[in-house]
Every structure is written in structure tokens, then in C-alpha cells.
């Protein structure tokens, strides 16, 4: 695959999607957002139906190997007891997002590079799906100082050469005063942060997995915990810029 991005590691077999102890609460919130503000958390471009169907197939296969998921006559039973019938959802991507704890972005290869063609993002970390749709990854990361032309070329190479047999993952860490998982902000809207206020550590486990020759899915599993609940060693390991409201690679 060539040079990896910092922290990019292979996903172990069976570990693409995860279920943790926040599943029930996060899924209830996800269902609420998809019901009450769908236009904000789901977007798709024309011609993305095939990739969405591939995503749903991958998600169903993955979750049925996770604890708490079962097939029933009505559909797929989640660990929280909610039954989802994928055939009754408005789109395959929404069905996938109502099963998995992860948010999803489908990246499709074009002449200009990979572009965002579908997204179900209920828990954005200070960005908005509407501003990212149809844009290349270089344009998506325009507000990120560290995302220069050289890094952009490396990302494109990774996406182009990513094998179907091996997903990869990395982590992103941010601190917020507000524990709300749904944190949409415009590209030039500054995220408020007071290091002397309550601090919540937000960790995103981000993966890349190939769907087809021309499409890759980017998934985000979000963990959130109060800073005070971390062990002394964990708190010490957080870089100073993260503790002061910065990040280790946020999308914008």
C-alpha cells in the first residue's frame, strides 16, 4: 500500500465494526436524528445506489458476527432489542446506519480523486455533511493546516491501493466541554472550548474498507468519556494541545 498515514493500522479479522456499552444510548440518539433531521445527517449523490447496497451487505455480514444481533421474521434484531427491516428503510445506507454504531461516508474515485458521494453522519465532530458532499478529500480537508498537497497524495494512493481483503484503521482524539455527540459546525466556525470547564474526551476509531473497485467506505465509531474518568496514566498520555481543545487530526 505504500507509505501509511500516521497511526494507520490493519483491522483485525472480525473487528471492522464494534458494539460497546454505549450502543443502546447511541442508537436511540441515531434513530432520533434520522427521524427528525434526516436532511442534516444523510446525504447522497446520484448514482450511489450500488455502493450503498454493497455497504449494507458488508454491515449485515459484520453485525451478525457480533454479540446481540439476530435474524428474525421481521428483520434484524439489534442488541438493544430494536428490530430493523432493511427493506423498509429509505436507503441501504440508512439501514446500515440503523444497525451499526458507526457513521459512514462512501468515497468514490473520480478523475479529480476520491469524492464524498454518500454519508450517514449522526455524530460529526465539528463539521457538517452538507459541506463535504461531492468534494474531493483535499477540498474536504481544506481547513486542516496539516493536510497539505503531499499528505493528500498519500491519502489518495492509500485509497487507490487499499485491498479488498484488508481494512485499515486509525484513531482521532479531541476534547469538548459539551458531551453531545451531535456537534455540527461550519468549516470556518470555531469550536468553543474552556480547559477550565468540564472536559469530555472524544475518541474516534476511523476505518477504511473497500466496497468495490471504485468505492471505499470510511467509518467512524465514537467513544466519549469524562476526562475525570480516565486513569492518571491515560490523562498524562493526552497531548497538551488535545487537553487544551486541539486534536490529533480532526476532519476540519
Foldseek 3Di string as FASTA:
>chain_A
DPDDDPFKFWAPPLRPADDDPCNVVLLVLLVVCCVPPVVFQKDAAPPCQVLLVLLLVVLVVSCVPPPQWDQDPQAIAANVGDHQHCVPDPGSQSSSVSRGLKWKWKWFQDPVATATGITRHQQADAATPVCRHPDHLCSQQVLPPVCDPVVSVVVRVCLQPPDQVIKIKGKKKAKALDQDRRHHHYSPDDHDDDLVHWIKMKMWIWMWHDRDNTMIMIITRIDIDTLVPDDPVVNVPDDPCRSRGHMDDHSD
